[in-house]
Amino acid sequence: MNNAVESIKTYFKGVKAEWSRVSWPDKNQVVGETISVIIIVFVFTVAIYLMDVVFKLLLSFIK
């Protein structure tokens, strides 16, 4: 039991040490990348919607 507690303590000490080494992005980078992701998702959503409309139109000719 004591060994498990020591292992957990060692683990969290390692986590704390690594946490201080993380290089966090600045606010401008986060905002820019978030906007990029939103734009890309919007573009793909519109593209998939348009493909769905075209395929429905083409399949309506087959019926």
N, C-alpha and C. Protein backbone atom coordinates (compact mmCIF):
# COMPACT_ATOMS: atom_id res chain seq x y z
N MET A 1 0.83 -1.19 0.00
CA MET A 1 0.00 0.00 0.00
C MET A 1 0.87 1.26 0.00
N ASN A 2 1.90 1.25 0.81
CA ASN A 2 2.80 2.40 0.91
C ASN A 2 3.55 2.62 -0.40
N ASN A 3 3.87 1.52 -1.08
CA ASN A 3 4.57 1.60 -2.36
C ASN A 3 3.68 2.27 -3.41
N ALA A 4 2.39 1.97 -3.37
CA ALA A 4 1.46 2.56 -4.34
C ALA A 4 1.35 4.07 -4.11
N VAL A 5 1.29 4.49 -2.86
CA VAL A 5 1.20 5.92 -2.54
C VAL A 5 2.45 6.65 -3.01
N GLU A 6 3.60 6.05 -2.80
CA GLU A 6 4.85 6.66 -3.24
C GLU A 6 4.90 6.76 -4.77
N SER A 7 4.40 5.73 -5.44
CA SER A 7 4.37 5.75 -6.90
C SER A 7 3.49 6.88 -7.42
N ILE A 8 2.35 7.07 -6.77
CA ILE A 8 1.44 8.14 -7.17
C ILE A 8 2.08 9.51 -6.93
N LYS A 9 2.74 9.66 -5.79
CA LYS A 9 3.42 10.92 -5.50
C LYS A 9 4.51 11.20 -6.53
N THR A 10 5.28 10.18 -6.87
CA THR A 10 6.34 10.34 -7.86
C THR A 10 5.76 10.72 -9.22
N TYR A 11 4.66 10.09 -9.57
CA TYR A 11 4.00 10.39 -10.84
C TYR A 11 3.60 11.87 -10.90
N PHE A 12 2.94 12.35 -9.86
CA PHE A 12 2.48 13.73 -9.87
C PHE A 12 3.62 14.74 -9.78
N LYS A 13 4.71 14.38 -9.15
CA LYS A 13 5.90 15.25 -9.16
C LYS A 13 6.43 15.37 -10.59
N GLY A 14 6.44 14.25 -11.32
CA GLY A 14 6.86 14.27 -12.72
C GLY A 14 5.92 15.10 -13.58
N VAL A 15 4.63 14.97 -13.33
CA VAL A 15 3.64 15.77 -14.07
C VAL A 15 3.87 17.25 -13.82
N LYS A 16 4.10 17.62 -12.57
CA LYS A 16 4.34 19.02 -12.22
C LYS A 16 5.60 19.55 -12.91
N ALA A 17 6.64 18.73 -12.96
CA ALA A 17 7.89 19.15 -13.61
C ALA A 17 7.68 19.34 -15.11
N GLU A 18 6.97 18.43 -15.74
CA GLU A 18 6.73 18.54 -17.19
C GLU A 18 5.78 19.71 -17.50
N TRP A 19 4.82 19.95 -16.62
CA TRP A 19 3.85 21.02 -16.83
C TRP A 19 4.54 22.37 -16.95
N SER A 20 5.62 22.56 -16.20
CA SER A 20 6.33 23.84 -16.25
C SER A 20 7.12 24.00 -17.54
N ARG A 21 7.38 22.91 -18.25
CA ARG A 21 8.15 22.96 -19.50
C ARG A 21 7.27 23.17 -20.73
N VAL A 22 5.97 23.10 -20.56
CA VAL A 22 5.05 23.25 -21.69
C VAL A 22 5.11 24.68 -22.20
N SER A 23 5.23 24.84 -23.52
CA SER A 23 5.21 26.20 -24.08
C SER A 23 3.79 26.45 -24.60
N TRP A 24 3.10 27.34 -23.92
CA TRP A 24 1.73 27.64 -24.25
C TRP A 24 1.67 28.68 -25.36
N PRO A 25 0.73 28.54 -26.30
CA PRO A 25 0.62 29.53 -27.37
C PRO A 25 0.06 30.84 -26.83
N ASP A 26 0.37 31.93 -27.53
CA ASP A 26 -0.18 33.21 -27.09
C ASP A 26 -1.61 33.37 -27.60
N LYS A 27 -2.28 34.38 -27.11
CA LYS A 27 -3.70 34.57 -27.41
C LYS A 27 -3.95 34.75 -28.91
N ASN A 28 -3.09 35.50 -29.59
CA ASN A 28 -3.29 35.74 -31.03
C ASN A 28 -3.21 34.45 -31.83
N GLN A 29 -2.31 33.55 -31.46
CA GLN A 29 -2.19 32.27 -32.17
C GLN A 29 -3.43 31.42 -31.94
N VAL A 30 -3.93 31.38 -30.71
CA VAL A 30 -5.13 30.59 -30.41
C VAL A 30 -6.33 31.13 -31.17
N VAL A 31 -6.50 32.45 -31.19
CA VAL A 31 -7.62 33.05 -31.90
C VAL A 31 -7.52 32.78 -33.40
N GLY A 32 -6.32 32.95 -33.96
CA GLY A 32 -6.13 32.71 -35.39
C GLY A 32 -6.40 31.28 -35.79
N GLU A 33 -5.91 30.34 -35.01
CA GLU A 33 -6.13 28.93 -35.34
C GLU A 33 -7.59 28.53 -35.14
N THR A 34 -8.24 29.11 -34.14
CA THR A 34 -9.66 28.82 -33.92
C THR A 34 -10.49 29.32 -35.10
N ILE A 35 -10.20 30.52 -35.57
CA ILE A 35 -10.92 31.06 -36.72
C ILE A 35 -10.66 30.21 -37.96
N SER A 36 -9.43 29.75 -38.13
CA SER A 36 -9.10 28.89 -39.28
C SER A 36 -9.90 27.60 -39.23
N VAL A 37 -10.00 27.00 -38.06
CA VAL A 37 -10.76 25.75 -37.92
C VAL A 37 -12.22 25.98 -38.22
N ILE A 38 -12.78 27.06 -37.72
CA ILE A 38 -14.19 27.35 -37.98
C ILE A 38 -14.44 27.55 -39.47
N ILE A 39 -13.55 28.26 -40.15
CA ILE A 39 -13.70 28.48 -41.60
C ILE A 39 -13.61 27.16 -42.36
N ILE A 40 -12.63 26.33 -42.01
CA ILE A 40 -12.46 25.04 -42.69
C ILE A 40 -13.69 24.16 -42.49
N VAL A 41 -14.21 24.12 -41.25
CA VAL A 41 -15.41 23.32 -40.99
C VAL A 41 -16.59 23.84 -41.79
N PHE A 42 -16.74 25.15 -41.88
CA PHE A 42 -17.82 25.74 -42.66
C PHE A 42 -17.70 25.38 -44.13
N VAL A 43 -16.48 25.49 -44.68
CA VAL A 43 -16.27 25.18 -46.10
C VAL A 43 -16.60 23.71 -46.39
N PHE A 44 -16.12 22.80 -45.53
CA PHE A 44 -16.42 21.38 -45.75
C PHE A 44 -17.90 21.08 -45.58
N THR A 45 -18.56 21.77 -44.65
CA THR A 45 -19.99 21.57 -44.46
C THR A 45 -20.76 21.99 -45.71
N VAL A 46 -20.42 23.13 -46.27
CA VAL A 46 -21.08 23.60 -47.49
C VAL A 46 -20.78 22.64 -48.64
N ALA A 47 -19.55 22.18 -48.75
CA ALA A 47 -19.18 21.26 -49.84
C ALA A 47 -19.97 19.96 -49.74
N ILE A 48 -20.08 19.41 -48.55
CA ILE A 48 -20.83 18.16 -48.38
C ILE A 48 -22.31 18.39 -48.66
N TYR A 49 -22.84 19.51 -48.23
CA TYR A 49 -24.24 19.82 -48.52
C TYR A 49 -24.47 19.92 -50.02
N LEU A 50 -23.59 20.61 -50.72
CA LEU A 50 -23.74 20.73 -52.17
C LEU A 50 -23.64 19.38 -52.88
N MET A 51 -22.71 18.54 -52.42
CA MET A 51 -22.62 17.19 -53.00
C MET A 51 -23.90 16.41 -52.75
N ASP A 52 -24.48 16.56 -51.57
CA ASP A 52 -25.73 15.87 -51.25
C ASP A 52 -26.85 16.33 -52.18
N VAL A 53 -26.93 17.62 -52.43
CA VAL A 53 -27.96 18.16 -53.33
C VAL A 53 -27.76 17.63 -54.75
N VAL A 54 -26.52 17.62 -55.21
CA VAL A 54 -26.23 17.14 -56.56
C VAL A 54 -26.57 15.66 -56.69
N PHE A 55 -26.17 14.85 -55.71
CA PHE A 55 -26.47 13.41 -55.78
C PHE A 55 -27.97 13.14 -55.71
N LYS A 56 -28.69 13.90 -54.91
CA LYS A 56 -30.15 13.74 -54.87
C LYS A 56 -30.76 14.07 -56.22
N LEU A 57 -30.26 15.12 -56.86
CA LEU A 57 -30.76 15.50 -58.18
C LEU A 57 -30.46 14.41 -59.20
N LEU A 58 -29.25 13.90 -59.17
CA LEU A 58 -28.88 12.84 -60.12
C LEU A 58 -29.67 11.56 -59.87
N LEU A 59 -29.90 11.22 -58.62
CA LEU A 59 -30.67 10.01 -58.31
C LEU A 59 -32.14 10.19 -58.66
N SER A 60 -32.63 11.39 -58.66
CA SER A 60 -34.03 11.60 -59.02
C SER A 60 -34.25 11.31 -60.51
N PHE A 61 -33.22 11.46 -61.34
CA PHE A 61 -33.32 11.14 -62.77
C PHE A 61 -33.35 9.63 -62.99
N ILE A 62 -32.72 8.87 -62.10
CA ILE A 62 -32.65 7.43 -62.26
C ILE A 62 -34.00 6.78 -61.94
N LYS A 63 -34.73 7.31 -61.00
CA LYS A 63 -36.02 6.71 -60.61
C LYS A 63 -37.00 6.67 -61.71
